[in-house]
Amino acid sequence: MKFNISIDERYLFDWLTSRIQEDVLEKYGIKIIITQMDESNEETAMESQFISSNSLPKQDSETLDRFKLPEVLEPAHIQQILGIGRRATYELLNDPPFHVNRVGKNKMMKVPRDVFFRWLDGK
């Protein structure tokens, strides 16, 4: 049995774009913006703009104001605060010396700010 389905290309692009944006935001905490290629100008091609939803302002972790951080920290926050790599961050969070919440079906790791800084301060 064969089916001929005609789908409007713009509708398909919009649908795929929204699915990709939602999936990347949910899984990685990164908001992406995808724009369609402008056929009149080849230089504009398909463009992706990455905006990290959990990035911190660039500053030394020792001068970081802990109270300007969100109440619930994500791995990227902990990585920047400690000045360690992504792998070391996830190794720490997989066998943590402090409480880590795993949220959602993807088990995203979240750490209460106060709990993390009590551990960091040795209390």
PDB file of N, CA and C in Angstrom:
ATOM      1  N   MET A   1       0.831  -1.161   0.000  1.00  0.00           N
ATOM      2  CA  MET A   1       0.000   0.000   0.000  1.00  0.00           C
ATOM      3  C   MET A   1       0.890   1.243   0.000  1.00  0.00           C
ATOM      4  N   LYS A   2       0.637   2.188  -0.881  1.00  0.00           N
ATOM      5  CA  LYS A   2       1.405   3.422  -0.964  1.00  0.00           C
ATOM      6  C   LYS A   2       0.505   4.596  -0.630  1.00  0.00           C
ATOM      7  N   PHE A   3       1.099   5.549   0.045  1.00  0.00           N
ATOM      8  CA  PHE A   3       0.382   6.773   0.370  1.00  0.00           C
ATOM      9  C   PHE A   3       1.159   7.951  -0.179  1.00  0.00           C
ATOM     10  N   ASN A   4       0.493   8.836  -0.804  1.00  0.00           N
ATOM     11  CA  ASN A   4       1.099  10.079  -1.246  1.00  0.00           C
ATOM     12  C   ASN A   4       0.631  11.179  -0.305  1.00  0.00           C
ATOM     13  N   ILE A   5       1.562  11.698   0.454  1.00  0.00           N
ATOM     14  CA  ILE A   5       1.218  12.739   1.417  1.00  0.00           C
ATOM     15  C   ILE A   5       1.927  14.011   0.992  1.00  0.00           C
ATOM     16  N   SER A   6       1.174  15.043   0.859  1.00  0.00           N
ATOM     17  CA  SER A   6       1.738  16.334   0.503  1.00  0.00           C
ATOM     18  C   SER A   6       1.778  17.195   1.768  1.00  0.00           C
ATOM     19  N   ILE A   7       2.974  17.563   2.171  1.00  0.00           N
ATOM     20  CA  ILE A   7       3.138  18.393   3.362  1.00  0.00           C
ATOM     21  C   ILE A   7       3.771  19.706   2.939  1.00  0.00           C
ATOM     22  N   ASP A   8       3.168  20.755   3.376  1.00  0.00           N
ATOM     23  CA  ASP A   8       3.700  22.081   3.096  1.00  0.00           C
ATOM     24  C   ASP A   8       5.101  22.183   3.720  1.00  0.00           C
ATOM     25  N   GLU A   9       6.099  22.569   2.932  1.00  0.00           N
ATOM     26  CA  GLU A   9       7.474  22.607   3.419  1.00  0.00           C
ATOM     27  C   GLU A   9       7.639  23.557   4.600  1.00  0.00           C
ATOM     28  N   ARG A  10       6.954  24.677   4.553  1.00  0.00           N
ATOM     29  CA  ARG A  10       7.063  25.642   5.651  1.00  0.00           C
ATOM     30  C   ARG A  10       6.503  25.051   6.950  1.00  0.00           C
ATOM     31  N   TYR A  11       5.378  24.351   6.846  1.00  0.00           N
ATOM     32  CA  TYR A  11       4.779  23.708   8.012  1.00  0.00           C
ATOM     33  C   TYR A  11       5.742  22.676   8.590  1.00  0.00           C
ATOM     34  N   LEU A  12       6.351  21.875   7.714  1.00  0.00           N
ATOM     35  CA  LEU A  12       7.286  20.847   8.140  1.00  0.00           C
ATOM     36  C   LEU A  12       8.503  21.472   8.829  1.00  0.00           C
ATOM     37  N   PHE A  13       9.032  22.534   8.237  1.00  0.00           N
ATOM     38  CA  PHE A  13      10.177  23.224   8.828  1.00  0.00           C
ATOM     39  C   PHE A  13       9.820  23.762  10.214  1.00  0.00           C
ATOM     40  N   ASP A  14       8.672  24.410  10.329  1.00  0.00           N
ATOM     41  CA  ASP A  14       8.239  24.969  11.610  1.00  0.00           C
ATOM     42  C   ASP A  14       8.053  23.877  12.657  1.00  0.00           C
ATOM     43  N   TRP A  15       7.444  22.775  12.257  1.00  0.00           N
ATOM     44  CA  TRP A  15       7.200  21.678  13.185  1.00  0.00           C
ATOM     45  C   TRP A  15       8.514  21.068  13.671  1.00  0.00           C
ATOM     46  N   LEU A  16       9.434  20.773  12.733  1.00  0.00           N
ATOM     47  CA  LEU A  16      10.726  20.194  13.100  1.00  0.00           C
ATOM     48  C   LEU A  16      11.535  21.156  13.979  1.00  0.00           C
ATOM     49  N   THR A  17      11.520  22.424  13.621  1.00  0.00           N
ATOM     50  CA  THR A  17      12.240  23.427  14.387  1.00  0.00           C
ATOM     51  C   THR A  17      11.753  23.471  15.829  1.00  0.00           C
ATOM     52  N   SER A  18      10.441  23.494  15.999  1.00  0.00           N
ATOM     53  CA  SER A  18       9.909  23.576  17.363  1.00  0.00           C
ATOM     54  C   SER A  18      10.255  22.316  18.163  1.00  0.00           C
ATOM     55  N   ARG A  19      10.202  21.155  17.530  1.00  0.00           N
ATOM     56  CA  ARG A  19      10.548  19.905  18.225  1.00  0.00           C
ATOM     57  C   ARG A  19      12.018  19.898  18.647  1.00  0.00           C
ATOM     58  N   ILE A  20      12.897  20.305  17.740  1.00  0.00           N
ATOM     59  CA  ILE A  20      14.328  20.324  18.038  1.00  0.00           C
ATOM     60  C   ILE A  20      14.611  21.314  19.166  1.00  0.00           C
ATOM     61  N   GLN A  21      14.016  22.512  19.088  1.00  0.00           N
ATOM     62  CA  GLN A  21      14.243  23.517  20.121  1.00  0.00           C
ATOM     63  C   GLN A  21      13.777  23.026  21.490  1.00  0.00           C
ATOM     64  N   GLU A  22      12.603  22.419  21.544  1.00  0.00           N
ATOM     65  CA  GLU A  22      12.071  21.907  22.809  1.00  0.00           C
ATOM     66  C   GLU A  22      12.952  20.788  23.368  1.00  0.00           C
ATOM     67  N   ASP A  23      13.373  19.868  22.513  1.00  0.00           N
ATOM     68  CA  ASP A  23      14.187  18.737  22.960  1.00  0.00           C
ATOM     69  C   ASP A  23      15.549  19.189  23.488  1.00  0.00           C
ATOM     70  N   VAL A  24      16.205  20.115  22.775  1.00  0.00           N
ATOM     71  CA  VAL A  24      17.522  20.592  23.193  1.00  0.00           C
ATOM     72  C   VAL A  24      17.404  21.375  24.501  1.00  0.00           C
ATOM     73  N   LEU A  25      16.364  22.197  24.622  1.00  0.00           N
ATOM     74  CA  LEU A  25      16.171  22.964  25.857  1.00  0.00           C
ATOM     75  C   LEU A  25      15.920  22.037  27.037  1.00  0.00           C
ATOM     76  N   GLU A  26      15.076  21.023  26.842  1.00  0.00           N
ATOM     77  CA  GLU A  26      14.758  20.094  27.927  1.00  0.00           C
ATOM     78  C   GLU A  26      15.961  19.243  28.322  1.00  0.00           C
ATOM     79  N   LYS A  27      16.672  18.737  27.323  1.00  0.00           N
ATOM     80  CA  LYS A  27      17.759  17.796  27.608  1.00  0.00           C
ATOM     81  C   LYS A  27      19.044  18.485  28.055  1.00  0.00           C
ATOM     82  N   TYR A  28      19.391  19.617  27.412  1.00  0.00           N
ATOM     83  CA  TYR A  28      20.681  20.241  27.675  1.00  0.00           C
ATOM     84  C   TYR A  28      20.588  21.610  28.342  1.00  0.00           C
ATOM     85  N   GLY A  29      19.367  22.146  28.464  1.00  0.00           N
ATOM     86  CA  GLY A  29      19.219  23.461  29.065  1.00  0.00           C
ATOM     87  C   GLY A  29      19.747  24.578  28.185  1.00  0.00           C
ATOM     88  N   ILE A  30      19.761  24.353  26.878  1.00  0.00           N
ATOM     89  CA  ILE A  30      20.272  25.343  25.945  1.00  0.00           C
ATOM     90  C   ILE A  30      19.150  25.757  25.001  1.00  0.00           C
ATOM     91  N   LYS A  31      18.943  27.063  24.892  1.00  0.00           N
ATOM     92  CA  LYS A  31      17.935  27.563  23.964  1.00  0.00           C
ATOM     93  C   LYS A  31      18.612  27.808  22.620  1.00  0.00           C
ATOM     94  N   ILE A  32      18.083  27.201  21.566  1.00  0.00           N
ATOM     95  CA  ILE A  32      18.638  27.431  20.239  1.00  0.00           C
ATOM     96  C   ILE A  32      17.593  28.121  19.377  1.00  0.00           C
ATOM     97  N   ILE A  33      18.081  28.905  18.466  1.00  0.00           N
ATOM     98  CA  ILE A  33      17.206  29.581  17.512  1.00  0.00           C
ATOM     99  C   ILE A  33      17.631  29.127  16.118  1.00  0.00           C
ATOM    100  N   ILE A  34      16.694  28.588  15.373  1.00  0.00           N
ATOM    101  CA  ILE A  34      16.978  28.091  14.025  1.00  0.00           C
ATOM    102  C   ILE A  34      16.188  28.948  13.049  1.00  0.00           C
ATOM    103  N   THR A  35      16.869  29.473  12.064  1.00  0.00           N
ATOM    104  CA  THR A  35      16.193  30.269  11.049  1.00  0.00           C
ATOM    105  C   THR A  35      16.319  29.573   9.706  1.00  0.00           C
ATOM    106  N   GLN A  36      15.338  29.797   8.852  1.00  0.00           N
ATOM    107  CA  GLN A  36      15.333  29.154   7.546  1.00  0.00           C
ATOM    108  C   GLN A  36      16.249  29.901   6.587  1.00  0.00           C
ATOM    109  N   MET A  37      16.853  29.132   5.679  1.00  0.00           N
ATOM    110  CA  MET A  37      17.766  29.691   4.705  1.00  0.00           C
ATOM    111  C   MET A  37      17.042  30.663   3.786  1.00  0.00           C
ATOM    112  N   ASP A  38      17.665  31.789   3.580  1.00  0.00           N
ATOM    113  CA  ASP A  38      17.126  32.792   2.666  1.00  0.00           C
ATOM    114  C   ASP A  38      17.614  32.438   1.266  1.00  0.00           C
ATOM    115  N   GLU A  39      16.695  32.070   0.385  1.00  0.00           N
ATOM    116  CA  GLU A  39      17.087  31.599  -0.948  1.00  0.00           C
ATOM    117  C   GLU A  39      17.717  32.700  -1.789  1.00  0.00           C
ATOM    118  N   SER A  40      17.429  33.966  -1.485  1.00  0.00           N
ATOM    119  CA  SER A  40      17.980  35.051  -2.283  1.00  0.00           C
ATOM    120  C   SER A  40      19.428  35.369  -1.907  1.00  0.00           C
ATOM    121  N   ASN A  41      19.872  34.897  -0.768  1.00  0.00           N
ATOM    122  CA  ASN A  41      21.227  35.191  -0.334  1.00  0.00           C
ATOM    123  C   ASN A  41      21.840  33.928   0.268  1.00  0.00           C
ATOM    124  N   GLU A  42      22.748  33.295  -0.446  1.00  0.00           N
ATOM    125  CA  GLU A  42      23.325  32.032  -0.005  1.00  0.00           C
ATOM    126  C   GLU A  42      24.160  32.191   1.260  1.00  0.00           C
ATOM    127  N   GLU A  43      24.672  33.386   1.516  1.00  0.00           N
ATOM    128  CA  GLU A  43      25.533  33.590   2.677  1.00  0.00           C
ATOM    129  C   GLU A  43      24.763  33.490   3.992  1.00  0.00           C
ATOM    130  N   THR A  44      23.448  33.693   3.972  1.00  0.00           N
ATOM    131  CA  THR A  44      22.692  33.649   5.217  1.00  0.00           C
ATOM    132  C   THR A  44      22.369  32.233   5.630  1.00  0.00           C
ATOM    133  N   ALA A  45      22.460  31.266   4.712  1.00  0.00           N
ATOM    134  CA  ALA A  45      22.212  29.843   4.977  1.00  0.00           C
ATOM    135  C   ALA A  45      21.497  29.580   6.299  1.00  0.00           C
ATOM    136  N   MET A  46      21.374  28.343   6.672  1.00  0.00           N
ATOM    137  CA  MET A  46      20.708  28.034   7.934  1.00  0.00           C
ATOM    138  C   MET A  46      21.641  28.373   9.085  1.00  0.00           C
ATOM    139  N   GLU A  47      21.111  29.065  10.026  1.00  0.00           N
ATOM    140  CA  GLU A  47      21.909  29.616  11.102  1.00  0.00           C
ATOM    141  C   GLU A  47      21.393  29.093  12.430  1.00  0.00           C
ATOM    142  N   SER A  48      22.293  28.719  13.302  1.00  0.00           N
ATOM    143  CA  SER A  48      21.916  28.322  14.652  1.00  0.00           C
ATOM    144  C   SER A  48      22.599  29.261  15.620  1.00  0.00           C
ATOM    145  N   GLN A  49      21.837  29.753  16.532  1.00  0.00           N
ATOM    146  CA  GLN A  49      22.383  30.653  17.530  1.00  0.00           C
ATOM    147  C   GLN A  49      22.179  29.992  18.879  1.00  0.00           C
ATOM    148  N   PHE A  50      23.256  29.757  19.590  1.00  0.00           N
ATOM    149  CA  PHE A  50      23.167  29.072  20.865  1.00  0.00           C
ATOM    150  C   PHE A  50      23.208  30.090  21.991  1.00  0.00           C
ATOM    151  N   ILE A  51      22.222  30.013  22.862  1.00  0.00           N
ATOM    152  CA  ILE A  51      22.148  30.884  24.016  1.00  0.00           C
ATOM    153  C   ILE A  51      21.998  29.981  25.225  1.00  0.00           C
ATOM    154  N   SER A  52      22.996  29.928  26.052  1.00  0.00           N
ATOM    155  CA  SER A  52      22.926  29.047  27.215  1.00  0.00           C
ATOM    156  C   SER A  52      21.989  29.635  28.245  1.00  0.00           C
ATOM    157  N   SER A  53      20.995  28.856  28.636  1.00  0.00           N
ATOM    158  CA  SER A  53      20.035  29.339  29.609  1.00  0.00           C
ATOM    159  C   SER A  53      20.575  29.245  31.020  1.00  0.00           C
ATOM    160  N   ASN A  54      21.660  28.536  31.201  1.00  0.00           N
ATOM    161  CA  ASN A  54      22.182  28.391  32.556  1.00  0.00           C
ATOM    162  C   ASN A  54      23.605  28.913  32.679  1.00  0.00           C
ATOM    163  N   SER A  55      24.028  29.773  31.745  1.00  0.00           N
ATOM    164  CA  SER A  55      25.396  30.269  31.819  1.00  0.00           C
ATOM    165  C   SER A  55      25.492  31.376  32.864  1.00  0.00           C
ATOM    166  N   LEU A  56      26.654  31.486  33.421  1.00  0.00           N
ATOM    167  CA  LEU A  56      26.909  32.509  34.416  1.00  0.00           C
ATOM    168  C   LEU A  56      27.699  33.630  33.790  1.00  0.00           C
ATOM    169  N   PRO A  57      27.626  34.818  34.358  1.00  0.00           N
ATOM    170  CA  PRO A  57      28.481  35.888  33.864  1.00  0.00           C
ATOM    171  C   PRO A  57      29.937  35.481  34.039  1.00  0.00           C
ATOM    172  N   LYS A  58      30.765  35.837  33.068  1.00  0.00           N
ATOM    173  CA  LYS A  58      32.177  35.461  33.134  1.00  0.00           C
ATOM    174  C   LYS A  58      32.856  36.250  34.248  1.00  0.00           C
ATOM    175  N   GLN A  59      33.283  35.531  35.280  1.00  0.00           N
ATOM    176  CA  GLN A  59      34.030  36.130  36.360  1.00  0.00           C
ATOM    177  C   GLN A  59      34.748  35.030  37.121  1.00  0.00           C
ATOM    178  N   ASP A  60      35.723  35.444  37.898  1.00  0.00           N
ATOM    179  CA  ASP A  60      36.492  34.502  38.697  1.00  0.00           C
ATOM    180  C   ASP A  60      35.578  33.861  39.726  1.00  0.00           C
ATOM    181  N   SER A  61      35.675  32.536  39.895  1.00  0.00           N
ATOM    182  CA  SER A  61      34.785  31.835  40.816  1.00  0.00           C
ATOM    183  C   SER A  61      34.975  32.283  42.264  1.00  0.00           C
ATOM    184  N   GLU A  62      36.164  32.820  42.594  1.00  0.00           N
ATOM    185  CA  GLU A  62      36.396  33.274  43.966  1.00  0.00           C
ATOM    186  C   GLU A  62      35.670  34.583  44.253  1.00  0.00           C
ATOM    187  N   THR A  63      35.406  35.397  43.227  1.00  0.00           N
ATOM    188  CA  THR A  63      34.701  36.663  43.437  1.00  0.00           C
ATOM    189  C   THR A  63      33.231  36.538  43.078  1.00  0.00           C
ATOM    190  N   LEU A  64      32.792  35.338  42.811  1.00  0.00           N
ATOM    191  CA  LEU A  64      31.411  35.086  42.426  1.00  0.00           C
ATOM    192  C   LEU A  64      30.473  35.336  43.604  1.00  0.00           C
ATOM    193  N   ASP A  65      29.448  36.142  43.398  1.00  0.00           N
ATOM    194  CA  ASP A  65      28.478  36.411  44.458  1.00  0.00           C
ATOM    195  C   ASP A  65      27.471  35.274  44.476  1.00  0.00           C
ATOM    196  N   ARG A  66      27.554  34.450  45.482  1.00  0.00           N
ATOM    197  CA  ARG A  66      26.715  33.256  45.547  1.00  0.00           C
ATOM    198  C   ARG A  66      25.234  33.581  45.633  1.00  0.00           C
ATOM    199  N   PHE A  67      24.886  34.740  46.115  1.00  0.00           N
ATOM    200  CA  PHE A  67      23.471  35.084  46.262  1.00  0.00           C
ATOM    201  C   PHE A  67      22.856  35.607  44.963  1.00  0.00           C
ATOM    202  N   LYS A  68      23.682  35.846  43.958  1.00  0.00           N
ATOM    203  CA  LYS A  68      23.158  36.221  42.640  1.00  0.00           C
ATOM    204  C   LYS A  68      22.891  34.986  41.789  1.00  0.00           C
ATOM    205  N   LEU A  69      23.326  33.826  42.279  1.00  0.00           N
ATOM    206  CA  LEU A  69      23.080  32.566  41.572  1.00  0.00           C
ATOM    207  C   LEU A  69      21.635  32.131  41.804  1.00  0.00           C
ATOM    208  N   PRO A  70      21.084  31.305  40.911  1.00  0.00           N
ATOM    209  CA  PRO A  70      19.728  30.791  41.154  1.00  0.00           C
ATOM    210  C   PRO A  70      19.704  29.915  42.401  1.00  0.00           C
ATOM    211  N   GLU A  71      18.533  29.777  42.998  1.00  0.00           N
ATOM    212  CA  GLU A  71      18.408  28.970  44.216  1.00  0.00           C
ATOM    213  C   GLU A  71      18.688  27.498  43.959  1.00  0.00           C
ATOM    214  N   VAL A  72      18.497  27.062  42.724  1.00  0.00           N
ATOM    215  CA  VAL A  72      18.773  25.674  42.353  1.00  0.00           C
ATOM    216  C   VAL A  72      19.854  25.690  41.270  1.00  0.00           C
ATOM    217  N   LEU A  73      20.984  25.078  41.577  1.00  0.00           N
ATOM    218  CA  LEU A  73      22.118  25.067  40.654  1.00  0.00           C
ATOM    219  C   LEU A  73      22.047  23.884  39.705  1.00  0.00           C
ATOM    220  N   GLU A  74      22.551  24.089  38.507  1.00  0.00           N
ATOM    221  CA  GLU A  74      22.660  23.037  37.506  1.00  0.00           C
ATOM    222  C   GLU A  74      24.136  22.679  37.354  1.00  0.00           C
ATOM    223  N   PRO A  75      24.439  21.580  36.696  1.00  0.00           N
ATOM    224  CA  PRO A  75      25.842  21.176  36.545  1.00  0.00           C
ATOM    225  C   PRO A  75      26.750  22.276  35.984  1.00  0.00           C
ATOM    226  N   ALA A  76      26.259  23.077  35.050  1.00  0.00           N
ATOM    227  CA  ALA A  76      27.087  24.144  34.470  1.00  0.00           C
ATOM    228  C   ALA A  76      27.484  25.173  35.519  1.00  0.00           C
ATOM    229  N   HIS A  77      26.576  25.464  36.460  1.00  0.00           N
ATOM    230  CA  HIS A  77      26.907  26.392  37.541  1.00  0.00           C
ATOM    231  C   HIS A  77      28.031  25.819  38.403  1.00  0.00           C
ATOM    232  N   ILE A  78      27.871  24.567  38.793  1.00  0.00           N
ATOM    233  CA  ILE A  78      28.860  23.919  39.656  1.00  0.00           C
ATOM    234  C   ILE A  78      30.205  23.828  38.956  1.00  0.00           C
ATOM    235  N   GLN A  79      30.179  23.534  37.671  1.00  0.00           N
ATOM    236  CA  GLN A  79      31.409  23.458  36.883  1.00  0.00           C
ATOM    237  C   GLN A  79      32.157  24.785  36.928  1.00  0.00           C
ATOM    238  N   GLN A  80      31.442  25.882  36.740  1.00  0.00           N
ATOM    239  CA  GLN A  80      32.102  27.190  36.723  1.00  0.00           C
ATOM    240  C   GLN A  80      32.535  27.612  38.125  1.00  0.00           C
ATOM    241  N   ILE A  81      31.728  27.341  39.121  1.00  0.00           N
ATOM    242  CA  ILE A  81      32.081  27.715  40.490  1.00  0.00           C
ATOM    243  C   ILE A  81      33.359  27.011  40.928  1.00  0.00           C
ATOM    244  N   LEU A  82      33.451  25.718  40.651  1.00  0.00           N
ATOM    245  CA  LEU A  82      34.617  24.935  41.073  1.00  0.00           C
ATOM    246  C   LEU A  82      35.795  25.057  40.117  1.00  0.00           C
ATOM    247  N   GLY A  83      35.532  25.541  38.908  1.00  0.00           N
ATOM    248  CA  GLY A  83      36.601  25.671  37.916  1.00  0.00           C
ATOM    249  C   GLY A  83      37.106  24.331  37.429  1.00  0.00           C
ATOM    250  N   ILE A  84      36.178  23.378  37.277  1.00  0.00           N
ATOM    251  CA  ILE A  84      36.541  22.041  36.815  1.00  0.00           C
ATOM    252  C   ILE A  84      35.865  21.765  35.479  1.00  0.00           C
ATOM    253  N   GLY A  85      36.257  20.692  34.835  1.00  0.00           N
ATOM    254  CA  GLY A  85      35.690  20.329  33.544  1.00  0.00           C
ATOM    255  C   GLY A  85      34.345  19.651  33.678  1.00  0.00           C
ATOM    256  N   ARG A  86      33.715  19.455  32.547  1.00  0.00           N
ATOM    257  CA  ARG A  86      32.387  18.834  32.507  1.00  0.00           C
ATOM    258  C   ARG A  86      32.425  17.403  33.056  1.00  0.00           C
ATOM    259  N   ARG A  87      33.438  16.656  32.660  1.00  0.00           N
ATOM    260  CA  ARG A  87      33.524  15.260  33.102  1.00  0.00           C
ATOM    261  C   ARG A  87      33.671  15.169  34.623  1.00  0.00           C
ATOM    262  N   ALA A  88      34.558  15.991  35.178  1.00  0.00           N
ATOM    263  CA  ALA A  88      34.768  15.991  36.631  1.00  0.00           C
ATOM    264  C   ALA A  88      33.503  16.436  37.354  1.00  0.00           C
ATOM    265  N   THR A  89      32.776  17.363  36.766  1.00  0.00           N
ATOM    266  CA  THR A  89      31.530  17.830  37.364  1.00  0.00           C
ATOM    267  C   THR A  89      30.531  16.688  37.465  1.00  0.00           C
ATOM    268  N   TYR A  90      30.356  15.939  36.378  1.00  0.00           N
ATOM    269  CA  TYR A  90      29.392  14.838  36.397  1.00  0.00           C
ATOM    270  C   TYR A  90      29.864  13.676  37.270  1.00  0.00           C
ATOM    271  N   GLU A  91      31.181  13.464  37.378  1.00  0.00           N
ATOM    272  CA  GLU A  91      31.681  12.453  38.300  1.00  0.00           C
ATOM    273  C   GLU A  91      31.339  12.839  39.737  1.00  0.00           C
ATOM    274  N   LEU A  92      31.493  14.121  40.057  1.00  0.00           N
ATOM    275  CA  LEU A  92      31.146  14.617  41.385  1.00  0.00           C
ATOM    276  C   LEU A  92      29.646  14.454  41.648  1.00  0.00           C
ATOM    277  N   LEU A  93      28.820  14.782  40.663  1.00  0.00           N
ATOM    278  CA  LEU A  93      27.369  14.731  40.845  1.00  0.00           C
ATOM    279  C   LEU A  93      26.817  13.306  40.838  1.00  0.00           C
ATOM    280  N   ASN A  94      27.541  12.373  40.256  1.00  0.00           N
ATOM    281  CA  ASN A  94      27.081  10.986  40.266  1.00  0.00           C
ATOM    282  C   ASN A  94      27.408  10.273  41.580  1.00  0.00           C
ATOM    283  N   ASP A  95      28.383  10.768  42.320  1.00  0.00           N
ATOM    284  CA  ASP A  95      28.705  10.234  43.647  1.00  0.00           C
ATOM    285  C   ASP A  95      28.921  11.426  44.572  1.00  0.00           C
ATOM    286  N   PRO A  96      27.842  12.165  44.856  1.00  0.00           N
ATOM    287  CA  PRO A  96      27.991  13.460  45.516  1.00  0.00           C
ATOM    288  C   PRO A  96      28.138  13.380  47.035  1.00  0.00           C
ATOM    289  N   PRO A  97      28.904  14.311  47.593  1.00  0.00           N
ATOM    290  CA  PRO A  97      28.989  14.434  49.045  1.00  0.00           C
ATOM    291  C   PRO A  97      27.885  15.351  49.595  1.00  0.00           C
ATOM    292  N   PHE A  98      26.953  15.759  48.741  1.00  0.00           N
ATOM    293  CA  PHE A  98      25.826  16.607  49.112  1.00  0.00           C
ATOM    294  C   PHE A  98      24.597  16.118  48.360  1.00  0.00           C
ATOM    295  N   HIS A  99      23.430  16.632  48.729  1.00  0.00           N
ATOM    296  CA  HIS A  99      22.174  16.165  48.132  1.00  0.00           C
ATOM    297  C   HIS A  99      22.003  16.679  46.696  1.00  0.00           C
ATOM    298  N   VAL A 100      21.697  15.767  45.777  1.00  0.00           N
ATOM    299  CA  VAL A 100      21.435  16.113  44.380  1.00  0.00           C
ATOM    300  C   VAL A 100      20.046  15.598  44.022  1.00  0.00           C
ATOM    301  N   ASN A 101      19.213  16.494  43.475  1.00  0.00           N
ATOM    302  CA  ASN A 101      17.883  16.096  43.003  1.00  0.00           C
ATOM    303  C   ASN A 101      17.979  15.721  41.537  1.00  0.00           C
ATOM    304  N   ARG A 102      17.308  14.658  41.155  1.00  0.00           N
ATOM    305  CA  ARG A 102      17.224  14.271  39.750  1.00  0.00           C
ATOM    306  C   ARG A 102      15.787  14.497  39.321  1.00  0.00           C
ATOM    307  N   VAL A 103      15.592  15.393  38.354  1.00  0.00           N
ATOM    308  CA  VAL A 103      14.265  15.869  37.986  1.00  0.00           C
ATOM    309  C   VAL A 103      13.910  15.461  36.566  1.00  0.00           C
ATOM    310  N   GLY A 104      12.654  15.074  36.370  1.00  0.00           N
ATOM    311  CA  GLY A 104      12.136  14.789  35.036  1.00  0.00           C
ATOM    312  C   GLY A 104      12.531  13.426  34.524  1.00  0.00           C
ATOM    313  N   LYS A 105      12.021  13.125  33.321  1.00  0.00           N
ATOM    314  CA  LYS A 105      12.292  11.809  32.755  1.00  0.00           C
ATOM    315  C   LYS A 105      13.746  11.644  32.340  1.00  0.00           C
ATOM    316  N   ASN A 106      14.433  12.760  32.080  1.00  0.00           N
ATOM    317  CA  ASN A 106      15.851  12.696  31.714  1.00  0.00           C
ATOM    318  C   ASN A 106      16.765  12.755  32.932  1.00  0.00           C
ATOM    319  N   LYS A 107      16.161  12.832  34.121  1.00  0.00           N
ATOM    320  CA  LYS A 107      16.906  12.845  35.383  1.00  0.00           C
ATOM    321  C   LYS A 107      17.953  13.951  35.420  1.00  0.00           C
ATOM    322  N   MET A 108      17.517  15.169  35.034  1.00  0.00           N
ATOM    323  CA  MET A 108      18.420  16.319  35.077  1.00  0.00           C
ATOM    324  C   MET A 108      18.819  16.588  36.525  1.00  0.00           C
ATOM    325  N   MET A 109      20.094  16.854  36.745  1.00  0.00           N
ATOM    326  CA  MET A 109      20.620  17.041  38.093  1.00  0.00           C
ATOM    327  C   MET A 109      20.458  18.486  38.536  1.00  0.00           C
ATOM    328  N   LYS A 110      19.918  18.659  39.724  1.00  0.00           N
ATOM    329  CA  LYS A 110      19.723  19.976  40.321  1.00  0.00           C
ATOM    330  C   LYS A 110      20.216  19.918  41.758  1.00  0.00           C
ATOM    331  N   VAL A 111      20.905  20.965  42.181  1.00  0.00           N
ATOM    332  CA  VAL A 111      21.443  21.022  43.539  1.00  0.00           C
ATOM    333  C   VAL A 111      20.995  22.324  44.186  1.00  0.00           C
ATOM    334  N   PRO A 112      20.373  22.247  45.369  1.00  0.00           N
ATOM    335  CA  PRO A 112      20.016  23.475  46.070  1.00  0.00           C
ATOM    336  C   PRO A 112      21.273  24.298  46.371  1.00  0.00           C
ATOM    337  N   ARG A 113      21.215  25.582  46.069  1.00  0.00           N
ATOM    338  CA  ARG A 113      22.374  26.476  46.239  1.00  0.00           C
ATOM    339  C   ARG A 113      22.921  26.434  47.663  1.00  0.00           C
ATOM    340  N   ASP A 114      22.034  26.514  48.650  1.00  0.00           N
ATOM    341  CA  ASP A 114      22.487  26.549  50.040  1.00  0.00           C
ATOM    342  C   ASP A 114      23.191  25.254  50.440  1.00  0.00           C
ATOM    343  N   VAL A 115      22.655  24.122  49.978  1.00  0.00           N
ATOM    344  CA  VAL A 115      23.269  22.819  50.281  1.00  0.00           C
ATOM    345  C   VAL A 115      24.669  22.748  49.674  1.00  0.00           C
ATOM    346  N   PHE A 116      24.796  23.188  48.437  1.00  0.00           N
ATOM    347  CA  PHE A 116      26.088  23.138  47.757  1.00  0.00           C
ATOM    348  C   PHE A 116      27.119  24.006  48.476  1.00  0.00           C
ATOM    349  N   PHE A 117      26.735  25.238  48.821  1.00  0.00           N
ATOM    350  CA  PHE A 117      27.708  26.130  49.453  1.00  0.00           C
ATOM    351  C   PHE A 117      28.015  25.738  50.892  1.00  0.00           C
ATOM    352  N   ARG A 118      27.102  25.069  51.605  1.00  0.00           N
ATOM    353  CA  ARG A 118      27.429  24.530  52.922  1.00  0.00           C
ATOM    354  C   ARG A 118      28.522  23.474  52.782  1.00  0.00           C
ATOM    355  N   TRP A 119      28.379  22.615  51.756  1.00  0.00           N
ATOM    356  CA  TRP A 119      29.404  21.594  51.498  1.00  0.00           C
ATOM    357  C   TRP A 119      30.721  22.264  51.116  1.00  0.00           C
ATOM    358  N   LEU A 120      30.655  23.249  50.231  1.00  0.00           N
ATOM    359  CA  LEU A 120      31.870  23.924  49.761  1.00  0.00           C
ATOM    360  C   LEU A 120      32.588  24.640  50.901  1.00  0.00           C
ATOM    361  N   ASP A 121      31.819  25.188  51.847  1.00  0.00           N
ATOM    362  CA  ASP A 121      32.408  25.888  52.992  1.00  0.00           C
ATOM    363  C   ASP A 121      32.848  24.927  54.087  1.00  0.00           C
ATOM    364  N   GLY A 122      32.574  23.631  53.925  1.00  0.00           N
ATOM    365  CA  GLY A 122      33.002  22.638  54.892  1.00  0.00           C
ATOM    366  C   GLY A 122      32.111  22.532  56.110  1.00  0.00           C
ATOM    367  N   LYS A 123      30.860  22.938  55.974  1.00  0.00           N
ATOM    368  CA  LYS A 123      29.932  22.889  57.117  1.00  0.00           C
ATOM    369  C   LYS A 123      29.068  21.669  57.068  1.00  0.00           C
TER     370      LYS A 123
END
